[in-house]
Protein backbone atom coordinates (compact mmCIF):
# COMPACT_ATOMS: atom_id res chain seq x y z
CA MET A 1 -108.22 -2.63 -219.07
CA ILE A 2 -110.59 -5.11 -217.69
CA SER A 3 -114.22 -4.71 -217.04
CA CYS A 4 -115.67 -4.40 -213.57
CA ASP A 5 -117.19 -8.01 -213.97
CA GLU A 6 -113.79 -9.24 -214.79
CA ALA A 7 -112.39 -7.47 -211.78
CA ALA A 8 -114.97 -9.02 -209.39
CA VAL A 9 -114.21 -12.59 -210.67
CA ILE A 10 -110.38 -11.98 -210.27
CA SER A 11 -110.84 -10.50 -206.72
CA ASN A 12 -112.84 -13.56 -205.83
CA LYS A 13 -110.14 -15.83 -207.27
CA SER A 14 -107.53 -13.82 -205.50
CA GLN A 15 -109.17 -14.40 -202.05
CA TYR A 16 -108.77 -18.14 -202.58
CA LYS A 17 -105.25 -17.87 -204.11
CA GLU A 18 -106.47 -19.05 -207.42
CA ALA A 19 -105.65 -15.78 -209.38
CA SER A 20 -102.50 -15.82 -211.58
CA LEU A 21 -99.83 -13.13 -211.36
CA SER A 22 -101.09 -11.40 -214.55
CA GLU A 23 -104.66 -11.42 -213.19
CA LYS A 24 -103.54 -9.87 -209.90
CA PHE A 25 -101.71 -7.15 -211.86
CA LYS A 26 -104.76 -6.40 -214.09
CA LEU A 27 -106.95 -6.19 -210.91
CA LYS A 28 -104.48 -3.82 -209.09
CA LEU A 29 -104.46 -1.48 -212.24
CA HIS A 30 -108.22 -1.68 -212.48
CA ILE A 31 -108.60 -0.89 -208.76
CA LEU A 32 -106.40 2.20 -209.28
CA PHE A 33 -109.08 3.81 -211.61
CA CYS A 34 -112.26 2.25 -210.28
CA GLY A 35 -113.39 3.22 -206.78
CA THR A 36 -116.45 0.89 -207.01
CA CYS A 37 -114.19 -2.11 -207.45
CA ALA A 38 -111.70 -0.93 -204.94
CA VAL A 39 -114.38 -0.94 -202.28
CA PHE A 40 -115.81 -4.27 -203.45
CA SER A 41 -112.19 -5.81 -203.30
CA LYS A 42 -111.62 -4.33 -199.73
CA LYS A 43 -115.08 -5.62 -198.50
CA ASN A 44 -114.42 -8.96 -200.13
CA LYS A 45 -111.14 -9.29 -198.24
CA GLN A 46 -112.89 -8.26 -194.94
CA LEU A 47 -115.51 -10.99 -195.53
CA THR A 48 -113.00 -13.71 -196.19
CA SER A 49 -111.16 -12.77 -193.03
CA LEU A 50 -114.34 -12.65 -190.93
CA MET A 51 -115.29 -16.14 -192.22
CA ALA A 52 -111.95 -17.56 -191.33
CA LYS A 53 -112.23 -16.23 -187.80
CA ALA A 54 -115.81 -17.38 -187.26
CA LYS A 55 -114.56 -21.00 -187.23
CA LEU A 56 -117.79 -22.14 -188.78
CA CYS A 57 -118.62 -26.02 -188.71
CA VAL A 58 -121.08 -27.79 -190.81
CA MET A 59 -123.07 -30.94 -190.16
CA SER A 60 -121.87 -34.21 -191.57
CA ASP A 61 -123.77 -35.86 -194.20
CA LEU A 62 -124.79 -38.58 -191.79
CA ASP A 63 -126.14 -36.06 -189.29
CA LYS A 64 -128.06 -34.25 -192.00
CA LYS A 65 -129.59 -37.59 -193.09
CA VAL A 66 -130.55 -38.39 -189.47
CA LEU A 67 -131.99 -35.00 -188.93
CA LYS A 68 -134.06 -35.13 -192.16
CA GLN A 69 -135.44 -38.45 -191.25
CA THR A 70 -136.36 -37.27 -187.82
CA ILE A 71 -138.23 -34.29 -189.23
CA GLU A 72 -140.09 -36.48 -191.78
CA GLU A 73 -141.09 -38.85 -189.10
CA GLN A 74 -142.63 -36.08 -186.99
CA LEU A 75 -144.53 -34.66 -189.93
């Protein structure tokens, strides 16, 4: 049986398709007996789904550099 810390790591890996088949099996088995980890795993999946739906965008490195220079000039 894996610990709750290990289950959390595997749950995170699973969200990004990085968990092996044996890790996924261990996680499922752990979740059957641990309600806390079951809730964590469920909320983790919900968060990943919401982040995908949010269509977040980030500033390019060039835009960040320009913004930083603009702020420094105004100080």
